[in-house]
C-alpha atoms as a PDB file:
ATOM      1  CA  MET A   1      25.128-139.133  15.390  1.00  0.00           C
ATOM      2  CA  SER A   2      23.630-136.450  17.596  1.00  0.00           C
ATOM      3  CA  LEU A   3      19.884-136.036  17.821  1.00  0.00           C
ATOM      4  CA  THR A   4      17.499-133.148  17.510  1.00  0.00           C
ATOM      5  CA  TYR A   5      13.923-133.152  18.737  1.00  0.00           C
ATOM      6  CA  ASN A   6      12.767-133.780  15.185  1.00  0.00           C
ATOM      7  CA  THR A   7      15.141-136.687  14.527  1.00  0.00           C
ATOM      8  CA  PHE A   8      14.373-138.141  17.967  1.00  0.00           C
ATOM      9  CA  THR A   9      10.621-138.130  17.402  1.00  0.00           C
ATOM     10  CA  THR A  10      11.087-139.686  13.972  1.00  0.00           C
ATOM     11  CA  SER A  11      13.503-142.348  15.259  1.00  0.00           C
ATOM     12  CA  ILE A  12      11.287-143.368  18.173  1.00  0.00           C
ATOM     13  CA  ALA A  13       8.212-143.520  15.945  1.00  0.00           C
ATOM     14  CA  ASN A  14      10.137-145.678  13.482  1.00  0.00           C
ATOM     15  CA  LEU A  15      11.245-148.078  16.226  1.00  0.00           C
ATOM     16  CA  MET A  16       7.705-148.214  17.620  1.00  0.00           C
ATOM     17  CA  VAL A  17       6.348-148.725  14.085  1.00  0.00           C
ATOM     18  CA  VAL A  18       3.773-145.959  14.397  1.00  0.00           C
ATOM     19  CA  PRO A  19       3.211-142.846  12.272  1.00  0.00           C
ATOM     20  CA  VAL A  20       5.055-139.833  13.651  1.00  0.00           C
ATOM     21  CA  ASP A  21       1.742-137.930  13.675  1.00  0.00           C
ATOM     22  CA  ASP A  22      -0.226-140.686  15.418  1.00  0.00           C
ATOM     23  CA  PRO A  23      -2.427-138.875  18.001  1.00  0.00           C
ATOM     24  CA  GLY A  24      -1.616-141.354  20.774  1.00  0.00           C
ATOM     25  CA  TYR A  25       2.102-141.126  20.081  1.00  0.00           C
ATOM     26  CA  VAL A  26       2.028-137.326  19.981  1.00  0.00           C
ATOM     27  CA  LEU A  27       0.236-137.328  23.349  1.00  0.00           C
ATOM     28  CA  ALA A  28       2.742-139.754  24.907  1.00  0.00           C
ATOM     29  CA  LEU A  29       5.862-138.055  23.514  1.00  0.00           C
ATOM     30  CA  PRO A  30       6.327-135.435  26.281  1.00  0.00           C
ATOM     31  CA  ASN A  31       6.126-138.223  28.890  1.00  0.00           C
ATOM     32  CA  ILE A  32       8.667-140.319  26.965  1.00  0.00           C
ATOM     33  CA  ILE A  33      11.075-137.379  26.897  1.00  0.00           C
ATOM     34  CA  ASP A  34      10.528-136.492  30.554  1.00  0.00           C
ATOM     35  CA  ASP A  35      11.063-140.084  31.686  1.00  0.00           C
ATOM     36  CA  LEU A  36      14.314-140.563  29.776  1.00  0.00           C
ATOM     37  CA  GLU A  37      15.753-137.147  30.690  1.00  0.00           C
ATOM     38  CA  GLN A  38      14.994-137.377  34.407  1.00  0.00           C
ATOM     39  CA  ARG A  39      16.455-140.870  34.535  1.00  0.00           C
ATOM     40  CA  LEU A  40      19.680-139.886  32.777  1.00  0.00           C
ATOM     41  CA  TYR A  41      20.146-136.695  34.793  1.00  0.00           C
ATOM     42  CA  ARG A  42      19.742-138.583  38.072  1.00  0.00           C
ATOM     43  CA  GLU A  43      21.819-141.629  37.193  1.00  0.00           C
ATOM     44  CA  LEU A  44      24.735-139.819  35.539  1.00  0.00           C
ATOM     45  CA  ASP A  45      25.029-136.646  37.681  1.00  0.00           C
ATOM     46  CA  LEU A  46      26.329-134.698  34.691  1.00  0.00           C
ATOM     47  CA  LEU A  47      28.791-131.823  34.924  1.00  0.00           C
ATOM     48  CA  ALA A  48      26.656-130.136  32.290  1.00  0.00           C
ATOM     49  CA  THR A  49      23.879-129.662  34.860  1.00  0.00           C
ATOM     50  CA  ILE A  50      26.066-127.718  37.339  1.00  0.00           C
ATOM     51  CA  VAL A  51      25.057-124.047  37.697  1.00  0.00           C
ATOM     52  CA  ARG A  52      26.479-121.123  39.702  1.00  0.00           C
ATOM     53  CA  ASN A  53      24.079-118.455  40.935  1.00  0.00           C
ATOM     54  CA  SER A  54      25.057-115.382  42.947  1.00  0.00           C
ATOM     55  CA  SER A  55      21.871-113.361  42.560  1.00  0.00           C
ATOM     56  CA  ALA A  56      20.866-113.218  46.237  1.00  0.00           C
ATOM     57  CA  ALA A  57      22.358-111.966  49.490  1.00  0.00           C
ATOM     58  CA  LEU A  58      22.086-112.603  53.202  1.00  0.00           C
ATOM     59  CA  THR A  59      20.445-109.973  55.372  1.00  0.00           C
ATOM     60  CA  SER A  60      22.424-108.693  58.328  1.00  0.00           C
ATOM     61  CA  GLY A  61      21.126-110.186  61.574  1.00  0.00           C
ATOM     62  CA  ASN A  62      19.032-112.827  59.784  1.00  0.00           C
ATOM     63  CA  ARG A  63      20.384-116.370  59.570  1.00  0.00           C
ATOM     64  CA  ASN A  64      17.700-117.549  57.101  1.00  0.00           C
ATOM     65  CA  PHE A  65      18.430-117.641  53.369  1.00  0.00           C
ATOM     66  CA  SER A  66      16.188-118.627  50.468  1.00  0.00           C
ATOM     67  CA  LEU A  67      18.096-120.424  47.735  1.00  0.00           C
ATOM     68  CA  PRO A  68      17.715-119.232  44.134  1.00  0.00           C
ATOM     69  CA  THR A  69      15.035-121.208  42.326  1.00  0.00           C
ATOM     70  CA  GLY A  70      15.759-124.278  40.250  1.00  0.00           C
ATOM     71  CA  PHE A  71      18.360-126.109  42.327  1.00  0.00           C
ATOM     72  CA  VAL A  72      17.875-129.849  42.749  1.00  0.00           C
ATOM     73  CA  VAL A  73      21.094-130.648  44.647  1.00  0.00           C
ATOM     74  CA  ILE A  74      23.344-128.112  46.394  1.00  0.00           C
ATOM     75  CA  GLU A  75      27.077-128.796  46.070  1.00  0.00           C
ATOM     76  CA  ASP A  76      28.713-125.623  47.400  1.00  0.00           C
ATOM     77  CA  ILE A  77      27.699-122.367  49.040  1.00  0.00           C
ATOM     78  CA  ASN A  78      30.123-119.438  49.195  1.00  0.00           C
ATOM     79  CA  VAL A  79      29.705-116.235  51.177  1.00  0.00           C
ATOM     80  CA  ILE A  80      31.361-113.304  49.406  1.00  0.00           C
ATOM     81  CA  THR A  81      33.358-110.793  51.420  1.00  0.00           C
ATOM     82  CA  PRO A  82      33.529-107.906  51.991  1.00  0.00           C
ATOM     83  CA  ALA A  83      29.836-107.272  52.588  1.00  0.00           C
ATOM     84  CA  GLY A  84      28.125-105.492  49.722  1.00  0.00           C
ATOM     85  CA  THR A  85      30.306-107.095  47.024  1.00  0.00           C
ATOM     86  CA  THR A  86      27.812-108.388  44.464  1.00  0.00           C
ATOM     87  CA  ASP A  87      30.302-109.907  41.984  1.00  0.00           C
ATOM     88  CA  PRO A  88      32.083-112.972  43.441  1.00  0.00           C
ATOM     89  CA  GLU A  89      35.041-112.329  41.133  1.00  0.00           C
ATOM     90  CA  LEU A  90      35.608-108.962  42.809  1.00  0.00           C
ATOM     91  CA  GLY A  91      35.519-110.312  46.355  1.00  0.00           C
ATOM     92  CA  THR A  92      36.669-113.328  48.341  1.00  0.00           C
ATOM     93  CA  ARG A  93      34.788-116.606  48.373  1.00  0.00           C
ATOM     94  CA  ASN A  94      34.305-118.052  51.868  1.00  0.00           C
ATOM     95  CA  PRO A  95      33.089-121.656  51.507  1.00  0.00           C
ATOM     96  CA  LEU A  96      30.431-122.733  53.991  1.00  0.00           C
ATOM     97  CA  LEU A  97      30.661-126.215  55.471  1.00  0.00           C
ATOM     98  CA  PRO A  98      27.461-128.296  55.554  1.00  0.00           C
ATOM     99  CA  ALA A  99      26.071-129.127  58.992  1.00  0.00           C
ATOM    100  CA  THR A 100      22.740-130.116  60.463  1.00  0.00           C
ATOM    101  CA  LYS A 101      20.238-127.521  61.590  1.00  0.00           C
ATOM    102  CA  GLU A 102      20.571-128.901  65.119  1.00  0.00           C
ATOM    103  CA  VAL A 103      24.332-128.292  65.195  1.00  0.00           C
ATOM    104  CA  ILE A 104      23.884-124.719  64.001  1.00  0.00           C
ATOM    105  CA  ASP A 105      21.112-124.146  66.568  1.00  0.00           C
ATOM    106  CA  MET A 106      23.442-125.368  69.312  1.00  0.00           C
ATOM    107  CA  LEU A 107      26.567-123.455  68.241  1.00  0.00           C
ATOM    108  CA  TYR A 108      24.828-120.231  67.201  1.00  0.00           C
ATOM    109  CA  PRO A 109      21.533-119.968  69.134  1.00  0.00           C
ATOM    110  CA  SER A 110      21.290-116.198  68.735  1.00  0.00           C
ATOM    111  CA  SER A 111      22.739-113.247  66.860  1.00  0.00           C
ATOM    112  CA  ALA A 112      25.345-112.762  69.606  1.00  0.00           C
ATOM    113  CA  GLY A 113      28.787-113.139  68.077  1.00  0.00           C
ATOM    114  CA  ALA A 114      27.540-112.388  64.565  1.00  0.00           C
ATOM    115  CA  GLY A 115      30.181-112.495  61.848  1.00  0.00           C
ATOM    116  CA  VAL A 116      30.971-114.037  58.493  1.00  0.00           C
ATOM    117  CA  PRO A 117      28.998-117.319  58.301  1.00  0.00           C
ATOM    118  CA  GLN A 118      30.990-120.550  58.313  1.00  0.00           C
ATOM    119  CA  LEU A 119      28.305-123.279  58.333  1.00  0.00           C
ATOM    120  CA  PHE A 120      25.023-123.905  56.569  1.00  0.00           C
ATOM    121  CA  GLY A 121      22.204-126.341  57.264  1.00  0.00           C
ATOM    122  CA  MET A 122      19.391-127.370  54.934  1.00  0.00           C
ATOM    123  CA  ILE A 123      15.901-126.534  56.194  1.00  0.00           C
ATOM    124  CA  THR A 124      13.827-127.246  53.105  1.00  0.00           C
ATOM    125  CA  GLN A 125      14.553-127.946  49.447  1.00  0.00           C
ATOM    126  CA  SER A 126      14.778-124.197  48.919  1.00  0.00           C
ATOM    127  CA  SER A 127      16.027-122.688  52.195  1.00  0.00           C
ATOM    128  CA  ILE A 128      18.968-122.866  54.610  1.00  0.00           C
ATOM    129  CA  VAL A 129      20.167-121.378  57.866  1.00  0.00           C
ATOM    130  CA  VAL A 130      23.739-120.183  58.383  1.00  0.00           C
ATOM    131  CA  GLY A 131      25.992-119.824  61.381  1.00  0.00           C
ATOM    132  CA  PRO A 132      27.203-117.598  62.819  1.00  0.00           C
ATOM    133  CA  TRP A 133      24.460-115.125  62.066  1.00  0.00           C
ATOM    134  CA  PRO A 134      25.638-112.659  59.392  1.00  0.00           C
ATOM    135  CA  ASP A 135      26.864-109.242  60.511  1.00  0.00           C
ATOM    136  CA  GLY A 136      26.468-107.797  57.023  1.00  0.00           C
ATOM    137  CA  ASN A 137      24.575-108.127  53.771  1.00  0.00           C
ATOM    138  CA  TYR A 138      26.868-110.737  52.261  1.00  0.00           C
ATOM    139  CA  GLN A 139      26.300-111.894  48.687  1.00  0.00           C
ATOM    140  CA  VAL A 140      25.897-115.672  48.406  1.00  0.00           C
ATOM    141  CA  GLU A 141      27.117-117.852  45.548  1.00  0.00           C
ATOM    142  CA  VAL A 142      25.247-121.157  45.245  1.00  0.00           C
ATOM    143  CA  VAL A 143      26.675-123.999  43.164  1.00  0.00           C
ATOM    144  CA  GLY A 144      24.611-127.057  42.383  1.00  0.00           C
ATOM    145  CA  THR A 145      22.578-129.152  40.001  1.00  0.00           C
ATOM    146  CA  GLN A 146      19.655-127.833  38.003  1.00  0.00           C
ATOM    147  CA  ARG A 147      17.475-129.514  35.397  1.00  0.00           C
ATOM    148  CA  PRO A 148      18.104-128.103  31.910  1.00  0.00           C
ATOM    149  CA  ALA A 149      15.179-127.199  29.672  1.00  0.00           C
ATOM    150  CA  PRO A 150      13.681-130.386  28.195  1.00  0.00           C
ATOM    151  CA  MET A 151      14.052-131.298  24.560  1.00  0.00           C
ATOM    152  CA  SER A 152      11.081-129.988  22.597  1.00  0.00           C
ATOM    153  CA  ALA A 153      10.074-128.474  19.293  1.00  0.00           C
ATOM    154  CA  ALA A 154      11.222-125.099  20.630  1.00  0.00           C
ATOM    155  CA  ASN A 155      14.406-126.564  22.159  1.00  0.00           C
ATOM    156  CA  GLN A 156      15.710-128.857  19.467  1.00  0.00           C
ATOM    157  CA  THR A 157      18.948-130.001  21.130  1.00  0.00           C
ATOM    158  CA  THR A 158      20.142-130.666  24.676  1.00  0.00           C
ATOM    159  CA  PHE A 159      23.388-131.926  26.158  1.00  0.00           C
ATOM    160  CA  LEU A 160      21.864-135.400  26.254  1.00  0.00           C
ATOM    161  CA  SER A 161      20.701-135.415  22.635  1.00  0.00           C
ATOM    162  CA  VAL A 162      24.062-134.167  21.354  1.00  0.00           C
ATOM    163  CA  ASN A 163      26.448-136.161  23.554  1.00  0.00           C
ATOM    164  CA  LEU A 164      24.479-139.261  24.584  1.00  0.00           C
ATOM    165  CA  PRO A 165      22.122-140.002  21.670  1.00  0.00           C
ATOM    166  CA  ASP A 166      22.418-143.780  22.075  1.00  0.00           C
ATOM    167  CA  LEU A 167      21.268-143.630  25.704  1.00  0.00           C
ATOM    168  CA  VAL A 168      18.497-141.182  24.804  1.00  0.00           C
ATOM    169  CA  ILE A 169      17.065-143.616  22.260  1.00  0.00           C
ATOM    170  CA  ALA A 170      17.412-146.670  24.527  1.00  0.00           C
ATOM    171  CA  ALA A 171      15.888-144.940  27.562  1.00  0.00           C
ATOM    172  CA  GLY A 172      13.105-143.498  25.436  1.00  0.00           C
ATOM    173  CA  MET A 173      12.203-146.900  24.057  1.00  0.00           C
ATOM    174  CA  VAL A 174      11.880-148.413  27.545  1.00  0.00           C
ATOM    175  CA  PHE A 175       9.045-145.987  28.298  1.00  0.00           C
ATOM    176  CA  ALA A 176       7.675-146.203  24.760  1.00  0.00           C
ATOM    177  CA  CYS A 177       7.263-149.961  25.117  1.00  0.00           C
ATOM    178  CA  GLY A 178       5.125-149.285  28.172  1.00  0.00           C
ATOM    179  CA  TYR A 179       3.006-146.934  26.099  1.00  0.00           C
ATOM    180  CA  GLN A 180       2.499-149.815  23.662  1.00  0.00           C
ATOM    181  CA  LYS A 181       1.652-152.116  26.596  1.00  0.00           C
ATOM    182  CA  ASN A 182       4.582-154.393  25.856  1.00  0.00           C
ATOM    183  CA  PHE A 183       5.393-154.998  29.515  1.00  0.00           C
ATOM    184  CA  SER A 184       3.644-158.339  29.841  1.00  0.00           C
ATOM    185  CA  ALA A 185       2.723-161.571  28.104  1.00  0.00           C
ATOM    186  CA  GLN A 186      -0.408-159.808  26.839  1.00  0.00           C
ATOM    187  CA  GLY A 187       1.717-157.483  24.714  1.00  0.00           C
ATOM    188  CA  ASP A 188       2.543-158.144  21.079  1.00  0.00           C
ATOM    189  CA  ASP A 189       6.230-158.333  22.023  1.00  0.00           C
ATOM    190  CA  PRO A 190       6.468-159.040  25.768  1.00  0.00           C
ATOM    191  CA  GLN A 191      10.285-158.903  25.702  1.00  0.00           C
ATOM    192  CA  SER A 192      10.467-155.508  23.998  1.00  0.00           C
ATOM    193  CA  ALA A 193      10.771-153.395  27.155  1.00  0.00           C
ATOM    194  CA  VAL A 194      13.125-155.926  28.764  1.00  0.00           C
ATOM    195  CA  SER A 195      15.360-155.905  25.691  1.00  0.00           C
ATOM    196  CA  TRP A 196      15.586-152.124  25.555  1.00  0.00           C
ATOM    197  CA  GLU A 197      16.225-151.949  29.307  1.00  0.00           C
ATOM    198  CA  SER A 198      19.023-154.493  28.890  1.00  0.00           C
ATOM    199  CA  HIS A 199      20.516-152.442  26.051  1.00  0.00           C
ATOM    200  CA  PHE A 200      20.265-149.291  28.178  1.00  0.00           C
ATOM    201  CA  GLN A 201      22.044-150.963  31.093  1.00  0.00           C
ATOM    202  CA  LYS A 202      24.893-152.001  28.789  1.00  0.00           C
ATOM    203  CA  LEU A 203      25.354-148.434  27.573  1.00  0.00           C
ATOM    204  CA  LEU A 204      25.011-146.708  30.961  1.00  0.00           C
ATOM    205  CA  PRO A 205      28.323-147.819  32.615  1.00  0.00           C
ATOM    206  CA  SER A 206      30.490-146.379  29.854  1.00  0.00           C
ATOM    207  CA  ALA A 207      28.702-143.027  30.051  1.00  0.00           C
ATOM    208  CA  SER A 208      28.976-143.057  33.842  1.00  0.00           C
ATOM    209  CA  ILE A 209      32.720-143.751  33.722  1.00  0.00           C
ATOM    210  CA  GLU A 210      33.236-140.966  31.212  1.00  0.00           C
ATOM    211  CA  GLU A 211      31.440-138.542  33.518  1.00  0.00           C
ATOM    212  CA  LEU A 212      33.617-139.609  36.455  1.00  0.00           C
ATOM    213  CA  ARG A 213      36.696-139.025  34.310  1.00  0.00           C
ATOM    214  CA  LYS A 214      35.545-135.452  33.641  1.00  0.00           C
ATOM    215  CA  LYS A 215      35.385-134.848  37.399  1.00  0.00           C
ATOM    216  CA  PHE A 216      38.811-136.443  38.065  1.00  0.00           C
ATOM    217  CA  THR A 217      37.077-139.034  40.240  1.00  0.00           C
ATOM    218  CA  SER A 218      38.014-142.016  38.105  1.00  0.00           C
ATOM    219  CA  GLU A 219      40.561-144.653  39.164  1.00  0.00           C
ATOM    220  CA  GLY A 220      43.181-143.136  41.475  1.00  0.00           C
ATOM    221  CA  TRP A 221      41.261-139.803  41.440  1.00  0.00           C
ATOM    222  CA  SER A 222      42.445-139.280  37.891  1.00  0.00           C
ATOM    223  CA  SER A 223      40.796-138.552  34.543  1.00  0.00           C
ATOM    224  CA  LYS A 224      42.057-141.821  33.100  1.00  0.00           C
ATOM    225  CA  GLN A 225      39.975-144.726  31.856  1.00  0.00           C
ATOM    226  CA  PRO A 226      39.950-147.471  34.537  1.00  0.00           C
ATOM    227  CA  ASP A 227      42.399-150.227  33.581  1.00  0.00           C
ATOM    228  CA  PRO A 228      41.704-153.661  35.119  1.00  0.00           C
ATOM    229  CA  VAL A 229      45.262-154.745  34.237  1.00  0.00           C
ATOM    230  CA  ALA A 230      47.083-151.886  35.983  1.00  0.00           C
ATOM    231  CA  THR A 231      48.422-152.935  39.393  1.00  0.00           C
ATOM    232  CA  PRO A 232      48.407-150.932  41.567  1.00  0.00           C
ATOM    233  CA  PRO A 233      45.716-148.634  40.114  1.00  0.00           C
ATOM    234  CA  ARG A 234      47.326-145.704  38.365  1.00  0.00           C
ATOM    235  CA  THR A 235      47.058-142.222  39.874  1.00  0.00           C
END
């Protein structure tokens, strides 16, 4: 059964045995949601978090480029030719290969030999340099991971709440047990957090495998469920 923000808050309160309108619980709820969502997004690397953004362009003669806001991990960067083409579907995507800033500095130390960029190097979380230096105002398509809007009263459902409700509950209860101070022998139920963490760890591998299957990076680079009996592994 998928969850909404309302059913999640009710379910967690029920498992914690506190009123859903308890002031302490209401105050802790955003932290419970943030903890479980960040953990699941990092550990599962979901396809649902992949975004393409082609809103910005390189400036001719300037190798520096500020990435569109919101990206956590960059997966691909494409330079669109010919210069001035703002819609990637109307031009040609030229994938840039990742390299270190030092390599780009060595190969392309100046604007001499400017052309269509072939390499990019990360400078900060939000900026890169390219090489060779661009000889035109090329549109840039950035593909990578972003954090979706968190589940809230105004955002009742997320990919996690709809597709992974069991993990959402288990991960939420790990943090919730900390809120109830059930992390030690001084807690009313010192094994509560450990039990929920154990349950979470049992659920996580199946979700991780399913995500790998979506990406065709499962056994034999296929979308098939791994089969321990198949020899050799199927492709």
